Amino acid sequence: MLRALGIAYFMFFFCMYITTVANAYIDPAMTAMMTQIIAAAFISVGVVFGVFRRKIIFFFKNIGIKHTKRKIEKQNVQKKSGT
């Protein structure tokens, strides 16, 4: 995923570098449309995070619990083999 983000970052700036100047007019309706698109993207990310929040929290808690259980089991094995 990190590699994909790096490639997207590179491509964005590469495309910005090779573009030429365009004497174009940005219509007020276009700015309103772009604002709506950006707002929709942020709202969508928020909704997805809100819907999957419990699953995300449980996933990270579960990783911690598994790590702690393994650590305790390792200590118990060491105690049994040491006595």
C-alpha atoms as a PDB file:
ATOM      1  CA  MET A   1       0.000   0.000   0.000  1.00  0.00           C
ATOM      2  CA  LEU A   2       2.873   2.327   0.794  1.00  0.00           C
ATOM      3  CA  ARG A   3       4.342   1.635  -2.611  1.00  0.00           C
ATOM      4  CA  ALA A   4       1.024   2.468  -4.305  1.00  0.00           C
ATOM      5  CA  LEU A   5       0.863   5.778  -2.430  1.00  0.00           C
ATOM      6  CA  GLY A   6       4.433   6.540  -3.486  1.00  0.00           C
ATOM      7  CA  ILE A   7       3.607   5.838  -7.108  1.00  0.00           C
ATOM      8  CA  ALA A   8       0.459   8.000  -6.916  1.00  0.00           C
ATOM      9  CA  TYR A   9       2.479  10.815  -5.305  1.00  0.00           C
ATOM     10  CA  PHE A  10       5.104  10.600  -8.048  1.00  0.00           C
ATOM     11  CA  MET A  11       2.528  10.492 -10.836  1.00  0.00           C
ATOM     12  CA  PHE A  12       0.642  13.497  -9.437  1.00  0.00           C
ATOM     13  CA  PHE A  13       3.733  15.701  -9.379  1.00  0.00           C
ATOM     14  CA  PHE A  14       4.975  14.327 -12.694  1.00  0.00           C
ATOM     15  CA  CYS A  15       1.672  15.252 -14.323  1.00  0.00           C
ATOM     16  CA  MET A  16       1.805  18.689 -12.709  1.00  0.00           C
ATOM     17  CA  TYR A  17       5.316  19.161 -14.097  1.00  0.00           C
ATOM     18  CA  ILE A  18       4.518  18.279 -17.705  1.00  0.00           C
ATOM     19  CA  THR A  19       1.312  20.303 -17.999  1.00  0.00           C
ATOM     20  CA  THR A  20       1.250  23.563 -19.901  1.00  0.00           C
ATOM     21  CA  VAL A  21      -0.416  26.807 -18.962  1.00  0.00           C
ATOM     22  CA  ALA A  22      -4.073  26.983 -19.987  1.00  0.00           C
ATOM     23  CA  ASN A  23      -5.839  30.305 -20.150  1.00  0.00           C
ATOM     24  CA  ALA A  24      -9.126  28.874 -18.963  1.00  0.00           C
ATOM     25  CA  TYR A  25     -12.007  30.255 -17.004  1.00  0.00           C
ATOM     26  CA  ILE A  26     -13.281  28.344 -13.983  1.00  0.00           C
ATOM     27  CA  ASP A  27     -17.014  28.755 -13.818  1.00  0.00           C
ATOM     28  CA  PRO A  28     -18.582  29.401 -10.371  1.00  0.00           C
ATOM     29  CA  ALA A  29     -20.719  26.296 -10.891  1.00  0.00           C
ATOM     30  CA  MET A  30     -17.525  24.290 -11.349  1.00  0.00           C
ATOM     31  CA  THR A  31     -16.124  25.509  -8.040  1.00  0.00           C
ATOM     32  CA  ALA A  32     -19.381  24.582  -6.329  1.00  0.00           C
ATOM     33  CA  MET A  33     -19.233  21.137  -7.928  1.00  0.00           C
ATOM     34  CA  MET A  34     -15.613  20.636  -6.835  1.00  0.00           C
ATOM     35  CA  THR A  35     -16.526  21.708  -3.295  1.00  0.00           C
ATOM     36  CA  GLN A  36     -19.348  19.161  -3.254  1.00  0.00           C
ATOM     37  CA  ILE A  37     -17.037  16.414  -4.509  1.00  0.00           C
ATOM     38  CA  ILE A  38     -14.431  17.146  -1.855  1.00  0.00           C
ATOM     39  CA  ALA A  39     -17.083  17.339   0.877  1.00  0.00           C
ATOM     40  CA  ALA A  40     -18.611  14.046  -0.300  1.00  0.00           C
ATOM     41  CA  ALA A  41     -15.203  12.367  -0.153  1.00  0.00           C
ATOM     42  CA  PHE A  42     -14.622  13.513   3.441  1.00  0.00           C
ATOM     43  CA  ILE A  43     -18.124  12.536   4.500  1.00  0.00           C
ATOM     44  CA  SER A  44     -17.747   9.116   2.880  1.00  0.00           C
ATOM     45  CA  VAL A  45     -14.498   8.459   4.730  1.00  0.00           C
ATOM     46  CA  GLY A  46     -16.159   9.521   7.972  1.00  0.00           C
ATOM     47  CA  VAL A  47     -19.141   7.246   7.405  1.00  0.00           C
ATOM     48  CA  VAL A  48     -16.939   4.269   6.565  1.00  0.00           C
ATOM     49  CA  PHE A  49     -14.846   4.880   9.674  1.00  0.00           C
ATOM     50  CA  GLY A  50     -17.992   5.275  11.782  1.00  0.00           C
ATOM     51  CA  VAL A  51     -19.528   2.063  10.473  1.00  0.00           C
ATOM     52  CA  PHE A  52     -16.375  -0.009  10.907  1.00  0.00           C
ATOM     53  CA  ARG A  53     -15.100   1.722  14.063  1.00  0.00           C
ATOM     54  CA  ARG A  54     -15.937  -1.191  16.367  1.00  0.00           C
ATOM     55  CA  LYS A  55     -14.331  -3.692  14.019  1.00  0.00           C
ATOM     56  CA  ILE A  56     -11.197  -1.570  13.744  1.00  0.00           C
ATOM     57  CA  ILE A  57     -10.937  -1.127  17.522  1.00  0.00           C
ATOM     58  CA  PHE A  58     -11.574  -4.824  18.136  1.00  0.00           C
ATOM     59  CA  PHE A  59      -8.940  -5.745  15.542  1.00  0.00           C
ATOM     60  CA  PHE A  60      -6.237  -3.722  17.301  1.00  0.00           C
ATOM     61  CA  LYS A  61      -7.318  -4.861  20.767  1.00  0.00           C
ATOM     62  CA  ASN A  62      -7.290  -8.463  19.561  1.00  0.00           C
ATOM     63  CA  ILE A  63      -3.696  -8.049  18.334  1.00  0.00           C
ATOM     64  CA  GLY A  64      -2.687  -6.778  21.781  1.00  0.00           C
ATOM     65  CA  ILE A  65      -4.525  -9.600  23.548  1.00  0.00           C
ATOM     66  CA  LYS A  66      -2.883 -12.250  21.346  1.00  0.00           C
ATOM     67  CA  HIS A  67       0.541 -10.725  21.962  1.00  0.00           C
ATOM     68  CA  THR A  68      -0.047 -10.696  25.725  1.00  0.00           C
ATOM     69  CA  LYS A  69      -1.280 -14.313  25.729  1.00  0.00           C
ATOM     70  CA  ARG A  70       1.796 -15.454  23.813  1.00  0.00           C
ATOM     71  CA  LYS A  71       4.048 -13.619  26.248  1.00  0.00           C
ATOM     72  CA  ILE A  72       2.333 -15.209  29.262  1.00  0.00           C
ATOM     73  CA  GLU A  73       2.467 -18.677  27.687  1.00  0.00           C
ATOM     74  CA  LYS A  74       6.160 -18.228  26.947  1.00  0.00           C
ATOM     75  CA  GLN A  75       6.821 -17.232  30.559  1.00  0.00           C
ATOM     76  CA  ASN A  76       4.833 -20.242  31.835  1.00  0.00           C
ATOM     77  CA  VAL A  77       6.807 -22.600  29.590  1.00  0.00           C
ATOM     78  CA  GLN A  78      10.075 -21.102  30.834  1.00  0.00           C
ATOM     79  CA  LYS A  79       8.979 -21.495  34.479  1.00  0.00           C
ATOM     80  CA  LYS A  80       7.956 -25.135  33.949  1.00  0.00           C
ATOM     81  CA  SER A  81      11.170 -26.030  32.147  1.00  0.00           C
ATOM     82  CA  GLY A  82      13.271 -24.183  34.752  1.00  0.00           C
ATOM     83  CA  THR A  83      11.886 -26.123  37.739  1.00  0.00           C
END
